[in-house]
Full PDB file with SEQRES, HELIX, SHEET, SSBOND, CRYST1, ORIGX, SCALE, CONECT and MASTER records, all heavy atoms in Angstrom:
SEQRES   1 A   44  ARG LYS LEU CYS ASP ARG GLY ILE PHE GLN ASN GLN LYS          
SEQRES   2 A   44  GLY VAL VAL SER SER ILE LEU THR LYS GLN GLU PHE TYR          
SEQRES   3 A   44  ALA ILE GLN GLY ASP GLY ILE ILE GLU LYS GLY PHE GLU          
SEQRES   4 A   44  GLY SER LEU PRO ALA                                          
HELIX    1 AA1 LYS A    2  ASP A    5  1                                   4    
HELIX    2 AA2 LYS A   22  GLY A   37  1                                  16    
SHEET    1 AA1 2 PHE A   9  GLN A  12  0                                        
SHEET    2 AA1 2 VAL A  15  SER A  18 -1                                        
CRYST1    1.000    1.000    1.000  90.00  90.00  90.00 P 1           1          
ORIGX1      1.000000  0.000000  0.000000        0.00000                         
ORIGX2      0.000000  1.000000  0.000000        0.00000                         
ORIGX3      0.000000  0.000000  1.000000        0.00000                         
SCALE1      1.000000  0.000000  0.000000        0.00000                         
SCALE2      0.000000  1.000000  0.000000        0.00000                         
SCALE3      0.000000  0.000000  1.000000        0.00000                         
ATOM      1  N   ARG A   1     -12.096   8.667   5.541  1.00  0.00           N  
ATOM      2  CA  ARG A   1     -13.039   7.628   5.137  1.00  0.00           C  
ATOM      3  C   ARG A   1     -12.603   6.972   3.827  1.00  0.00           C  
ATOM      4  O   ARG A   1     -12.638   5.750   3.684  1.00  0.00           O  
ATOM      5  CB  ARG A   1     -14.455   8.201   4.997  1.00  0.00           C  
ATOM      6  CG  ARG A   1     -15.487   7.129   4.707  1.00  0.00           C  
ATOM      7  CD  ARG A   1     -16.920   7.583   4.604  1.00  0.00           C  
ATOM      8  NE  ARG A   1     -17.311   8.886   4.168  1.00  0.00           N  
ATOM      9  CZ  ARG A   1     -17.085   9.507   2.991  1.00  0.00           C  
ATOM     10  NH1 ARG A   1     -16.399   8.970   2.108  1.00  0.00           N  
ATOM     11  NH2 ARG A   1     -17.523  10.671   2.679  1.00  0.00           N  
ATOM     12  N   LYS A   2     -12.160   7.795   2.861  1.00  0.00           N  
ATOM     13  CA  LYS A   2     -11.716   7.244   1.572  1.00  0.00           C  
ATOM     14  C   LYS A   2     -10.521   6.306   1.757  1.00  0.00           C  
ATOM     15  O   LYS A   2     -10.457   5.240   1.140  1.00  0.00           O  
ATOM     16  CB  LYS A   2     -11.339   8.371   0.610  1.00  0.00           C  
ATOM     17  CG  LYS A   2     -12.534   9.127   0.078  1.00  0.00           C  
ATOM     18  CD  LYS A   2     -12.095  10.229  -0.852  1.00  0.00           C  
ATOM     19  CE  LYS A   2     -13.291  11.037  -1.345  1.00  0.00           C  
ATOM     20  NZ  LYS A   2     -12.885  12.122  -2.245  1.00  0.00           N  
ATOM     21  N   LEU A   3      -9.575   6.706   2.588  1.00  0.00           N  
ATOM     22  CA  LEU A   3      -8.384   5.874   2.778  1.00  0.00           C  
ATOM     23  C   LEU A   3      -8.685   4.642   3.622  1.00  0.00           C  
ATOM     24  O   LEU A   3      -8.035   3.606   3.459  1.00  0.00           O  
ATOM     25  CB  LEU A   3      -7.245   6.700   3.364  1.00  0.00           C  
ATOM     26  CG  LEU A   3      -6.769   7.868   2.483  1.00  0.00           C  
ATOM     27  CD1 LEU A   3      -5.529   8.518   3.064  1.00  0.00           C  
ATOM     28  CD2 LEU A   3      -6.526   7.447   1.046  1.00  0.00           C  
ATOM     29  N   CYS A   4      -9.685   4.744   4.491  1.00  0.00           N  
ATOM     30  CA  CYS A   4     -10.133   3.553   5.226  1.00  0.00           C  
ATOM     31  C   CYS A   4     -10.819   2.586   4.267  1.00  0.00           C  
ATOM     32  O   CYS A   4     -10.596   1.371   4.336  1.00  0.00           O  
ATOM     33  CB  CYS A   4     -11.077   3.948   6.361  1.00  0.00           C  
ATOM     34  SG  CYS A   4     -10.265   4.735   7.775  1.00  0.00           S  
ATOM     35  N   ASP A   5     -11.628   3.122   3.364  1.00  0.00           N  
ATOM     36  CA  ASP A   5     -12.305   2.281   2.366  1.00  0.00           C  
ATOM     37  C   ASP A   5     -11.311   1.567   1.457  1.00  0.00           C  
ATOM     38  O   ASP A   5     -11.587   0.474   0.967  1.00  0.00           O  
ATOM     39  CB  ASP A   5     -13.268   3.114   1.508  1.00  0.00           C  
ATOM     40  CG  ASP A   5     -14.495   3.578   2.279  1.00  0.00           C  
ATOM     41  OD1 ASP A   5     -14.747   3.071   3.396  1.00  0.00           O  
ATOM     42  OD2 ASP A   5     -15.203   4.477   1.762  1.00  0.00           O  
ATOM     43  N   ARG A   6     -10.155   2.169   1.236  1.00  0.00           N  
ATOM     44  CA  ARG A   6      -9.112   1.549   0.397  1.00  0.00           C  
ATOM     45  C   ARG A   6      -8.300   0.514   1.167  1.00  0.00           C  
ATOM     46  O   ARG A   6      -7.441  -0.158   0.601  1.00  0.00           O  
ATOM     47  CB  ARG A   6      -8.160   2.609  -0.146  1.00  0.00           C  
ATOM     48  CG  ARG A   6      -8.802   3.521  -1.157  1.00  0.00           C  
ATOM     49  CD  ARG A   6      -7.765   4.457  -1.718  1.00  0.00           C  
ATOM     50  NE  ARG A   6      -8.397   5.619  -2.319  1.00  0.00           N  
ATOM     51  CZ  ARG A   6      -7.751   6.731  -2.631  1.00  0.00           C  
ATOM     52  NH1 ARG A   6      -6.457   6.839  -2.426  1.00  0.00           N  
ATOM     53  NH2 ARG A   6      -8.395   7.741  -3.160  1.00  0.00           N  
ATOM     54  N   GLY A   7      -8.522   0.410   2.475  1.00  0.00           N  
ATOM     55  CA  GLY A   7      -7.821  -0.590   3.270  1.00  0.00           C  
ATOM     56  C   GLY A   7      -6.441  -0.166   3.724  1.00  0.00           C  
ATOM     57  O   GLY A   7      -5.622  -1.012   4.088  1.00  0.00           O  
ATOM     58  N   ILE A   8      -6.181   1.133   3.752  1.00  0.00           N  
ATOM     59  CA  ILE A   8      -4.872   1.621   4.193  1.00  0.00           C  
ATOM     60  C   ILE A   8      -4.897   1.941   5.685  1.00  0.00           C  
ATOM     61  O   ILE A   8      -3.944   1.653   6.413  1.00  0.00           O  
ATOM     62  CB  ILE A   8      -4.451   2.849   3.371  1.00  0.00           C  
ATOM     63  CG1 ILE A   8      -4.393   2.487   1.879  1.00  0.00           C  
ATOM     64  CG2 ILE A   8      -3.101   3.395   3.852  1.00  0.00           C  
ATOM     65  CD1 ILE A   8      -4.234   3.674   0.944  1.00  0.00           C  
ATOM     66  N   PHE A   9      -6.008   2.546   6.141  1.00  0.00           N  
ATOM     67  CA  PHE A   9      -6.163   2.924   7.545  1.00  0.00           C  
ATOM     68  C   PHE A   9      -7.469   2.385   8.090  1.00  0.00           C  
ATOM     69  O   PHE A   9      -8.333   1.922   7.342  1.00  0.00           O  
ATOM     70  CB  PHE A   9      -6.130   4.463   7.692  1.00  0.00           C  
ATOM     71  CG  PHE A   9      -4.839   5.069   7.259  1.00  0.00           C  
ATOM     72  CD1 PHE A   9      -4.752   5.779   6.076  1.00  0.00           C  
ATOM     73  CD2 PHE A   9      -3.695   4.912   8.020  1.00  0.00           C  
ATOM     74  CE1 PHE A   9      -3.551   6.328   5.660  1.00  0.00           C  
ATOM     75  CE2 PHE A   9      -2.491   5.453   7.612  1.00  0.00           C  
ATOM     76  CZ  PHE A   9      -2.413   6.173   6.426  1.00  0.00           C  
ATOM     77  N   GLN A  10      -7.603   2.469   9.409  1.00  0.00           N  
ATOM     78  CA  GLN A  10      -8.850   2.114  10.063  1.00  0.00           C  
ATOM     79  C   GLN A  10      -9.144   3.140  11.154  1.00  0.00           C  
ATOM     80  O   GLN A  10      -8.224   3.733  11.710  1.00  0.00           O  
ATOM     81  CB  GLN A  10      -8.785   0.704  10.653  1.00  0.00           C  
ATOM     82  CG  GLN A  10      -7.688   0.518  11.690  1.00  0.00           C  
ATOM     83  CD  GLN A  10      -7.540  -0.929  12.101  1.00  0.00           C  
ATOM     84  OE1 GLN A  10      -8.327  -1.777  11.714  1.00  0.00           O  
ATOM     85  NE2 GLN A  10      -6.529  -1.220  12.903  1.00  0.00           N  
ATOM     86  N   ASN A  11     -10.415   3.353  11.400  1.00  0.00           N  
ATOM     87  CA  ASN A  11     -10.858   4.270  12.439  1.00  0.00           C  
ATOM     88  C   ASN A  11     -11.807   3.493  13.335  1.00  0.00           C  
ATOM     89  O   ASN A  11     -12.958   3.272  12.988  1.00  0.00           O  
ATOM     90  CB  ASN A  11     -11.558   5.486  11.820  1.00  0.00           C  
ATOM     91  CG  ASN A  11     -11.937   6.529  12.845  1.00  0.00           C  
ATOM     92  OD1 ASN A  11     -11.677   6.382  14.037  1.00  0.00           O  
ATOM     93  ND2 ASN A  11     -12.554   7.598  12.385  1.00  0.00           N  
ATOM     94  N   GLN A  12     -11.283   3.042  14.462  1.00  0.00           N  
ATOM     95  CA  GLN A  12     -12.078   2.229  15.379  1.00  0.00           C  
ATOM     96  C   GLN A  12     -12.293   2.979  16.678  1.00  0.00           C  
ATOM     97  O   GLN A  12     -11.324   3.306  17.379  1.00  0.00           O  
ATOM     98  CB  GLN A  12     -11.394   0.894  15.648  1.00  0.00           C  
ATOM     99  CG  GLN A  12     -11.294   0.025  14.407  1.00  0.00           C  
ATOM    100  CD  GLN A  12     -10.670  -1.318  14.703  1.00  0.00           C  
ATOM    101  OE1 GLN A  12      -9.855  -1.454  15.602  1.00  0.00           O  
ATOM    102  NE2 GLN A  12     -11.062  -2.322  13.934  1.00  0.00           N  
ATOM    103  N   LYS A  13     -13.549   3.276  16.948  1.00  0.00           N  
ATOM    104  CA  LYS A  13     -13.944   3.982  18.170  1.00  0.00           C  
ATOM    105  C   LYS A  13     -13.176   5.289  18.327  1.00  0.00           C  
ATOM    106  O   LYS A  13     -12.720   5.635  19.415  1.00  0.00           O  
ATOM    107  CB  LYS A  13     -13.766   3.083  19.395  1.00  0.00           C  
ATOM    108  CG  LYS A  13     -14.642   1.847  19.357  1.00  0.00           C  
ATOM    109  CD  LYS A  13     -14.475   1.009  20.594  1.00  0.00           C  
ATOM    110  CE  LYS A  13     -15.367  -0.216  20.480  1.00  0.00           C  
ATOM    111  NZ  LYS A  13     -15.239  -1.091  21.638  1.00  0.00           N  
ATOM    112  N   GLY A  14     -12.982   5.988  17.212  1.00  0.00           N  
ATOM    113  CA  GLY A  14     -12.326   7.294  17.250  1.00  0.00           C  
ATOM    114  C   GLY A  14     -10.815   7.256  17.314  1.00  0.00           C  
ATOM    115  O   GLY A  14     -10.174   8.290  17.521  1.00  0.00           O  
ATOM    116  N   VAL A  15     -10.228   6.085  17.143  1.00  0.00           N  
ATOM    117  CA  VAL A  15      -8.761   5.963  17.124  1.00  0.00           C  
ATOM    118  C   VAL A  15      -8.345   5.488  15.739  1.00  0.00           C  
ATOM    119  O   VAL A  15      -8.784   4.439  15.270  1.00  0.00           O  
ATOM    120  CB  VAL A  15      -8.256   4.986  18.209  1.00  0.00           C  
ATOM    121  CG1 VAL A  15      -6.739   4.826  18.116  1.00  0.00           C  
ATOM    122  CG2 VAL A  15      -8.657   5.475  19.597  1.00  0.00           C  
ATOM    123  N   VAL A  16      -7.503   6.284  15.109  1.00  0.00           N  
ATOM    124  CA  VAL A  16      -7.053   6.012  13.746  1.00  0.00           C  
ATOM    125  C   VAL A  16      -5.698   5.318  13.802  1.00  0.00           C  
ATOM    126  O   VAL A  16      -4.785   5.759  14.516  1.00  0.00           O  
ATOM    127  CB  VAL A  16      -6.959   7.319  12.931  1.00  0.00           C  
ATOM    128  CG1 VAL A  16      -6.461   7.043  11.520  1.00  0.00           C  
ATOM    129  CG2 VAL A  16      -8.310   8.037  12.904  1.00  0.00           C  
ATOM    130  N   SER A  17      -5.570   4.239  13.035  1.00  0.00           N  
ATOM    131  CA  SER A  17      -4.293   3.530  12.921  1.00  0.00           C  
ATOM    132  C   SER A  17      -4.203   2.934  11.523  1.00  0.00           C  
ATOM    133  O   SER A  17      -5.174   2.893  10.781  1.00  0.00           O  
ATOM    134  CB  SER A  17      -4.184   2.435  13.982  1.00  0.00           C  
ATOM    135  OG  SER A  17      -5.212   1.492  13.829  1.00  0.00           O  
ATOM    136  N   SER A  18      -3.017   2.475  11.199  1.00  0.00           N  
ATOM    137  CA  SER A  18      -2.816   1.943   9.853  1.00  0.00           C  
ATOM    138  C   SER A  18      -3.131   0.457   9.796  1.00  0.00           C  
ATOM    139  O   SER A  18      -2.948  -0.268  10.764  1.00  0.00           O  
ATOM    140  CB  SER A  18      -1.380   2.189   9.388  1.00  0.00           C  
ATOM    141  OG  SER A  18      -0.471   1.515  10.230  1.00  0.00           O  
ATOM    142  N   ILE A  19      -3.636   0.056   8.654  1.00  0.00           N  
ATOM    143  CA  ILE A  19      -3.751  -1.367   8.330  1.00  0.00           C  
ATOM    144  C   ILE A  19      -2.465  -1.769   7.619  1.00  0.00           C  
ATOM    145  O   ILE A  19      -1.909  -2.834   7.858  1.00  0.00           O  
ATOM    146  CB  ILE A  19      -4.994  -1.628   7.452  1.00  0.00           C  
ATOM    147  CG1 ILE A  19      -6.262  -1.334   8.257  1.00  0.00           C  
ATOM    148  CG2 ILE A  19      -4.992  -3.060   6.919  1.00  0.00           C  
ATOM    149  CD1 ILE A  19      -7.545  -1.395   7.457  1.00  0.00           C  
ATOM    150  N   LEU A  20      -1.989  -0.878   6.751  1.00  0.00           N  
ATOM    151  CA  LEU A  20      -0.704  -1.058   6.075  1.00  0.00           C  
ATOM    152  C   LEU A  20       0.291  -0.058   6.641  1.00  0.00           C  
ATOM    153  O   LEU A  20      -0.012   1.131   6.723  1.00  0.00           O  
ATOM    154  CB  LEU A  20      -0.847  -0.793   4.567  1.00  0.00           C  
ATOM    155  CG  LEU A  20      -1.731  -1.725   3.758  1.00  0.00           C  
ATOM    156  CD1 LEU A  20      -1.859  -1.207   2.324  1.00  0.00           C  
ATOM    157  CD2 LEU A  20      -1.171  -3.131   3.765  1.00  0.00           C  
ATOM    158  N   THR A  21       1.467  -0.520   7.014  1.00  0.00           N  
ATOM    159  CA  THR A  21       2.504   0.420   7.428  1.00  0.00           C  
ATOM    160  C   THR A  21       2.955   1.212   6.203  1.00  0.00           C  
ATOM    161  O   THR A  21       2.670   0.828   5.058  1.00  0.00           O  
ATOM    162  CB  THR A  21       3.723  -0.312   8.020  1.00  0.00           C  
ATOM    163  OG1 THR A  21       4.339  -1.084   6.975  1.00  0.00           O  
ATOM    164  CG2 THR A  21       3.343  -1.195   9.197  1.00  0.00           C  
ATOM    165  N   LYS A  22       3.671   2.274   6.444  1.00  0.00           N  
ATOM    166  CA  LYS A  22       4.199   3.077   5.338  1.00  0.00           C  
ATOM    167  C   LYS A  22       5.079   2.213   4.441  1.00  0.00           C  
ATOM    168  O   LYS A  22       4.989   2.274   3.210  1.00  0.00           O  
ATOM    169  CB  LYS A  22       4.989   4.262   5.898  1.00  0.00           C  
ATOM    170  CG  LYS A  22       5.465   5.233   4.862  1.00  0.00           C  
ATOM    171  CD  LYS A  22       6.124   6.439   5.532  1.00  0.00           C  
ATOM    172  CE  LYS A  22       6.490   7.507   4.518  1.00  0.00           C  
ATOM    173  NZ  LYS A  22       7.008   8.717   5.167  1.00  0.00           N  
ATOM    174  N   GLN A  23       5.912   1.377   5.034  1.00  0.00           N  
ATOM    175  CA  GLN A  23       6.804   0.508   4.261  1.00  0.00           C  
ATOM    176  C   GLN A  23       6.012  -0.509   3.447  1.00  0.00           C  
ATOM    177  O   GLN A  23       6.339  -0.769   2.287  1.00  0.00           O  
ATOM    178  CB  GLN A  23       7.803  -0.192   5.194  1.00  0.00           C  
ATOM    179  CG  GLN A  23       8.828   0.735   5.813  1.00  0.00           C  
ATOM    180  CD  GLN A  23       8.281   1.565   6.981  1.00  0.00           C  
ATOM    181  OE1 GLN A  23       7.209   1.318   7.530  1.00  0.00           O  
ATOM    182  NE2 GLN A  23       9.026   2.595   7.354  1.00  0.00           N  
ATOM    183  N   GLU A  24       4.985  -1.096   4.048  1.00  0.00           N  
ATOM    184  CA  GLU A  24       4.156  -2.061   3.315  1.00  0.00           C  
ATOM    185  C   GLU A  24       3.451  -1.383   2.149  1.00  0.00           C  
ATOM    186  O   GLU A  24       3.395  -1.940   1.041  1.00  0.00           O  
ATOM    187  CB  GLU A  24       3.112  -2.684   4.244  1.00  0.00           C  
ATOM    188  CG  GLU A  24       3.689  -3.631   5.263  1.00  0.00           C  
ATOM    189  CD  GLU A  24       2.686  -4.031   6.342  1.00  0.00           C  
ATOM    190  OE1 GLU A  24       1.745  -3.264   6.637  1.00  0.00           O  
ATOM    191  OE2 GLU A  24       2.858  -5.130   6.891  1.00  0.00           O  
ATOM    192  N   PHE A  25       2.919  -0.190   2.382  1.00  0.00           N  
ATOM    193  CA  PHE A  25       2.219   0.537   1.332  1.00  0.00           C  
ATOM    194  C   PHE A  25       3.151   0.799   0.148  1.00  0.00           C  
ATOM    195  O   PHE A  25       2.816   0.515  -0.996  1.00  0.00           O  
ATOM    196  CB  PHE A  25       1.655   1.860   1.860  1.00  0.00           C  
ATOM    197  CG  PHE A  25       1.036   2.693   0.786  1.00  0.00           C  
ATOM    198  CD1 PHE A  25      -0.243   2.432   0.340  1.00  0.00           C  
ATOM    199  CD2 PHE A  25       1.747   3.718   0.184  1.00  0.00           C  
ATOM    200  CE1 PHE A  25      -0.821   3.186  -0.678  1.00  0.00           C  
ATOM    201  CE2 PHE A  25       1.189   4.473  -0.827  1.00  0.00           C  
ATOM    202  CZ  PHE A  25      -0.096   4.208  -1.266  1.00  0.00           C  
ATOM    203  N   TYR A  26       4.346   1.331   0.435  1.00  0.00           N  
ATOM    204  CA  TYR A  26       5.257   1.660  -0.657  1.00  0.00           C  
ATOM    205  C   TYR A  26       5.877   0.424  -1.293  1.00  0.00           C  
ATOM    206  O   TYR A  26       6.231   0.448  -2.475  1.00  0.00           O  
ATOM    207  CB  TYR A  26       6.298   2.686  -0.205  1.00  0.00           C  
ATOM    208  CG  TYR A  26       5.659   4.058  -0.107  1.00  0.00           C  
ATOM    209  CD1 TYR A  26       5.390   4.644   1.119  1.00  0.00           C  
ATOM    210  CD2 TYR A  26       5.258   4.738  -1.256  1.00  0.00           C  
ATOM    211  CE1 TYR A  26       4.755   5.888   1.190  1.00  0.00           C  
ATOM    212  CE2 TYR A  26       4.632   5.970  -1.181  1.00  0.00           C  
ATOM    213  CZ  TYR A  26       4.384   6.540   0.040  1.00  0.00           C  
ATOM    214  OH  TYR A  26       3.748   7.763   0.100  1.00  0.00           O  
ATOM    215  N   ALA A  27       5.963  -0.674  -0.554  1.00  0.00           N  
ATOM    216  CA  ALA A  27       6.419  -1.935  -1.160  1.00  0.00           C  
ATOM    217  C   ALA A  27       5.404  -2.406  -2.199  1.00  0.00           C  
ATOM    218  O   ALA A  27       5.786  -2.871  -3.281  1.00  0.00           O  
ATOM    219  CB  ALA A  27       6.622  -3.007  -0.085  1.00  0.00           C  
ATOM    220  N   ILE A  28       4.118  -2.253  -1.887  1.00  0.00           N  
ATOM    221  CA  ILE A  28       3.076  -2.610  -2.852  1.00  0.00           C  
ATOM    222  C   ILE A  28       3.176  -1.715  -4.086  1.00  0.00           C  
ATOM    223  O   ILE A  28       3.032  -2.176  -5.220  1.00  0.00           O  
ATOM    224  CB  ILE A  28       1.684  -2.519  -2.202  1.00  0.00           C  
ATOM    225  CG1 ILE A  28       1.526  -3.626  -1.157  1.00  0.00           C  
ATOM    226  CG2 ILE A  28       0.569  -2.606  -3.241  1.00  0.00           C  
ATOM    227  CD1 ILE A  28       0.327  -3.463  -0.244  1.00  0.00           C  
ATOM    228  N   GLN A  29       3.457  -0.419  -3.869  1.00  0.00           N  
ATOM    229  CA  GLN A  29       3.626   0.497  -4.994  1.00  0.00           C  
ATOM    230  C   GLN A  29       4.817   0.062  -5.854  1.00  0.00           C  
ATOM    231  O   GLN A  29       4.750   0.081  -7.081  1.00  0.00           O  
ATOM    232  CB  GLN A  29       3.852   1.937  -4.504  1.00  0.00           C  
ATOM    233  CG  GLN A  29       2.710   2.512  -3.705  1.00  0.00           C  
ATOM    234  CD  GLN A  29       1.396   2.458  -4.432  1.00  0.00           C  
ATOM    235  OE1 GLN A  29       1.254   3.046  -5.480  1.00  0.00           O  
ATOM    236  NE2 GLN A  29       0.455   1.730  -3.879  1.00  0.00           N  
ATOM    237  N   GLY A  30       5.895  -0.343  -5.200  1.00  0.00           N  
ATOM    238  CA  GLY A  30       7.076  -0.804  -5.916  1.00  0.00           C  
ATOM    239  C   GLY A  30       6.790  -2.052  -6.740  1.00  0.00           C  
ATOM    240  O   GLY A  30       7.263  -2.189  -7.876  1.00  0.00           O  
ATOM    241  N   ASP A  31       5.985  -2.955  -6.178  1.00  0.00           N  
ATOM    242  CA  ASP A  31       5.599  -4.158  -6.926  1.00  0.00           C  
ATOM    243  C   ASP A  31       4.902  -3.772  -8.227  1.00  0.00           C  
ATOM    244  O   ASP A  31       5.172  -4.349  -9.280  1.00  0.00           O  
ATOM    245  CB  ASP A  31       4.652  -5.037  -6.101  1.00  0.00           C  
ATOM    246  CG  ASP A  31       5.331  -5.693  -4.913  1.00  0.00           C  
ATOM    247  OD1 ASP A  31       6.576  -5.713  -4.862  1.00  0.00           O  
ATOM    248  OD2 ASP A  31       4.597  -6.186  -4.034  1.00  0.00           O  
ATOM    249  N   GLY A  32       4.012  -2.785  -8.144  1.00  0.00           N  
ATOM    250  CA  GLY A  32       3.285  -2.344  -9.338  1.00  0.00           C  
ATOM    251  C   GLY A  32       4.198  -1.737 -10.373  1.00  0.00           C  
ATOM    252  O   GLY A  32       4.059  -1.976 -11.575  1.00  0.00           O  
ATOM    253  N   ILE A  33       5.166  -0.951  -9.923  1.00  0.00           N  
ATOM    254  CA  ILE A  33       6.119  -0.324 -10.845  1.00  0.00           C  
ATOM    255  C   ILE A  33       6.958  -1.390 -11.551  1.00  0.00           C  
ATOM    256  O   ILE A  33       7.148  -1.356 -12.765  1.00  0.00           O  
ATOM    257  CB  ILE A  33       7.023   0.674 -10.098  1.00  0.00           C  
ATOM    258  CG1 ILE A  33       6.196   1.893  -9.666  1.00  0.00           C  
ATOM    259  CG2 ILE A  33       8.220   1.104 -10.952  1.00  0.00           C  
ATOM    260  CD1 ILE A  33       6.901   2.800  -8.675  1.00  0.00           C  
ATOM    261  N   ILE A  34       7.438  -2.347 -10.781  1.00  0.00           N  
ATOM    262  CA  ILE A  34       8.258  -3.414 -11.363  1.00  0.00           C  
ATOM    263  C   ILE A  34       7.427  -4.250 -12.331  1.00  0.00           C  
ATOM    264  O   ILE A  34       7.882  -4.596 -13.421  1.00  0.00           O  
ATOM    265  CB  ILE A  34       8.894  -4.281 -10.256  1.00  0.00           C  
ATOM    266  CG1 ILE A  34       9.935  -3.444  -9.502  1.00  0.00           C  
ATOM    267  CG2 ILE A  34       9.513  -5.548 -10.830  1.00  0.00           C  
ATOM    268  CD1 ILE A  34      10.439  -4.076  -8.222  1.00  0.00           C  
ATOM    269  N   GLU A  35       6.192  -4.540 -11.949  1.00  0.00           N  
ATOM    270  CA  GLU A  35       5.320  -5.356 -12.800  1.00  0.00           C  
ATOM    271  C   GLU A  35       5.005  -4.636 -14.110  1.00  0.00           C  
ATOM    272  O   GLU A  35       5.126  -5.205 -15.193  1.00  0.00           O  
ATOM    273  CB  GLU A  35       4.032  -5.706 -12.042  1.00  0.00           C  
ATOM    274  CG  GLU A  35       3.213  -6.771 -12.709  1.00  0.00           C  
ATOM    275  CD  GLU A  35       3.947  -8.100 -12.843  1.00  0.00           C  
ATOM    276  OE1 GLU A  35       4.654  -8.524 -11.918  1.00  0.00           O  
ATOM    277  OE2 GLU A  35       3.823  -8.716 -13.921  1.00  0.00           O  
ATOM    278  N   LYS A  36       4.611  -3.371 -14.012  1.00  0.00           N  
ATOM    279  CA  LYS A  36       4.190  -2.626 -15.203  1.00  0.00           C  
ATOM    280  C   LYS A  36       5.365  -2.149 -16.043  1.00  0.00           C  
ATOM    281  O   LYS A  36       5.340  -2.240 -17.263  1.00  0.00           O  
ATOM    282  CB  LYS A  36       3.343  -1.415 -14.796  1.00  0.00           C  
ATOM    283  CG  LYS A  36       1.979  -1.787 -14.276  1.00  0.00           C  
ATOM    284  CD  LYS A  36       1.201  -0.555 -13.855  1.00  0.00           C  
ATOM    285  CE  LYS A  36      -0.113  -0.945 -13.206  1.00  0.00           C  
ATOM    286  NZ  LYS A  36      -0.805   0.209 -12.639  1.00  0.00           N  
ATOM    287  N   GLY A  37       6.379  -1.612 -15.395  1.00  0.00           N  
ATOM    288  CA  GLY A  37       7.467  -0.988 -16.144  1.00  0.00           C  
ATOM    289  C   GLY A  37       8.600  -1.908 -16.533  1.00  0.00           C  
ATOM    290  O   GLY A  37       9.359  -1.600 -17.452  1.00  0.00           O  
ATOM    291  N   PHE A  38       8.713  -3.047 -15.836  1.00  0.00           N  
ATOM    292  CA  PHE A  38       9.859  -3.919 -16.079  1.00  0.00           C  
ATOM    293  C   PHE A  38       9.437  -5.375 -16.260  1.00  0.00           C  
ATOM    294  O   PHE A  38      10.223  -6.288 -16.044  1.00  0.00           O  
ATOM    295  CB  PHE A  38      10.866  -3.779 -14.925  1.00  0.00           C  
ATOM    296  CG  PHE A  38      11.393  -2.385 -14.785  1.00  0.00           C  
ATOM    297  CD1 PHE A  38      10.778  -1.477 -13.937  1.00  0.00           C  
ATOM    298  CD2 PHE A  38      12.476  -1.952 -15.534  1.00  0.00           C  
ATOM    299  CE1 PHE A  38      11.236  -0.177 -13.820  1.00  0.00           C  
ATOM    300  CE2 PHE A  38      12.943  -0.654 -15.430  1.00  0.00           C  
ATOM    301  CZ  PHE A  38      12.319   0.235 -14.566  1.00  0.00           C  
ATOM    302  N   GLU A  39       8.177  -5.569 -16.665  1.00  0.00           N  
ATOM    303  CA  GLU A  39       7.625  -6.895 -16.929  1.00  0.00           C  
ATOM    304  C   GLU A  39       7.868  -7.866 -15.773  1.00  0.00           C  
ATOM    305  O   GLU A  39       8.129  -9.048 -15.973  1.00  0.00           O  
ATOM    306  CB  GLU A  39       8.173  -7.443 -18.247  1.00  0.00           C  
ATOM    307  CG  GLU A  39       7.793  -6.575 -19.435  1.00  0.00           C  
ATOM    308  CD  GLU A  39       8.409  -7.034 -20.736  1.00  0.00           C  
ATOM    309  OE1 GLU A  39       9.160  -8.025 -20.748  1.00  0.00           O  
ATOM    310  OE2 GLU A  39       8.110  -6.379 -21.752  1.00  0.00           O  
ATOM    311  N   GLY A  40       7.815  -7.329 -14.552  1.00  0.00           N  
ATOM    312  CA  GLY A  40       7.971  -8.158 -13.369  1.00  0.00           C  
ATOM    313  C   GLY A  40       9.400  -8.534 -13.034  1.00  0.00           C  
ATOM    314  O   GLY A  40       9.634  -9.324 -12.119  1.00  0.00           O  
ATOM    315  N   SER A  41      10.367  -7.975 -13.733  1.00  0.00           N  
ATOM    316  CA  SER A  41      11.765  -8.355 -13.530  1.00  0.00           C  
ATOM    317  C   SER A  41      12.464  -7.402 -12.556  1.00  0.00           C  
ATOM    318  O   SER A  41      12.752  -6.253 -12.891  1.00  0.00           O  
ATOM    319  CB  SER A  41      12.510  -8.345 -14.866  1.00  0.00           C  
ATOM    320  OG  SER A  41      13.896  -8.500 -14.649  1.00  0.00           O  
ATOM    321  N   LEU A  42      12.751  -7.909 -11.369  1.00  0.00           N  
ATOM    322  CA  LEU A  42      13.499  -7.118 -10.400  1.00  0.00           C  
ATOM    323  C   LEU A  42      14.917  -6.807 -10.896  1.00  0.00           C  
ATOM    324  O   LEU A  42      15.375  -5.673 -10.759  1.00  0.00           O  
ATOM    325  CB  LEU A  42      13.534  -7.826  -9.038  1.00  0.00           C  
ATOM    326  CG  LEU A  42      14.270  -7.083  -7.919  1.00  0.00           C  
ATOM    327  CD1 LEU A  42      13.666  -5.712  -7.661  1.00  0.00           C  
ATOM    328  CD2 LEU A  42      14.245  -7.927  -6.652  1.00  0.00           C  
ATOM    329  N   PRO A  43      15.626  -7.767 -11.515  1.00  0.00           N  
ATOM    330  CA  PRO A  43      16.947  -7.423 -12.056  1.00  0.00           C  
ATOM    331  C   PRO A  43      16.886  -6.302 -13.100  1.00  0.00           C  
ATOM    332  O   PRO A  43      17.765  -5.429 -13.119  1.00  0.00           O  
ATOM    333  CB  PRO A  43      17.433  -8.743 -12.675  1.00  0.00           C  
ATOM    334  CG  PRO A  43      16.748  -9.796 -11.871  1.00  0.00           C  
ATOM    335  CD  PRO A  43      15.382  -9.216 -11.585  1.00  0.00           C  
ATOM    336  N   ALA A  44      15.865  -6.288 -13.953  1.00  0.00           N  
ATOM    337  CA  ALA A  44      15.740  -5.212 -14.946  1.00  0.00           C  
ATOM    338  C   ALA A  44      15.506  -3.868 -14.254  1.00  0.00           C  
ATOM    339  O   ALA A  44      16.073  -2.844 -14.647  1.00  0.00           O  
ATOM    340  CB  ALA A  44      14.604  -5.513 -15.923  1.00  0.00           C  
TER     341      ALA A  44                                                      
MASTER        0    0    0    2    2    0    0    6  340    1    0    4          
END                                                                             
């Protein structure tokens, strides 16, 4: 329920599936790391 509330997964009629794929999820995490740790600079 917590992860569905965060928009990562969905549970529809007892079938669980992802809203974000694993790659999409970790790409978003990477964006945050680059933004926070490297001032948004991919080359850095």
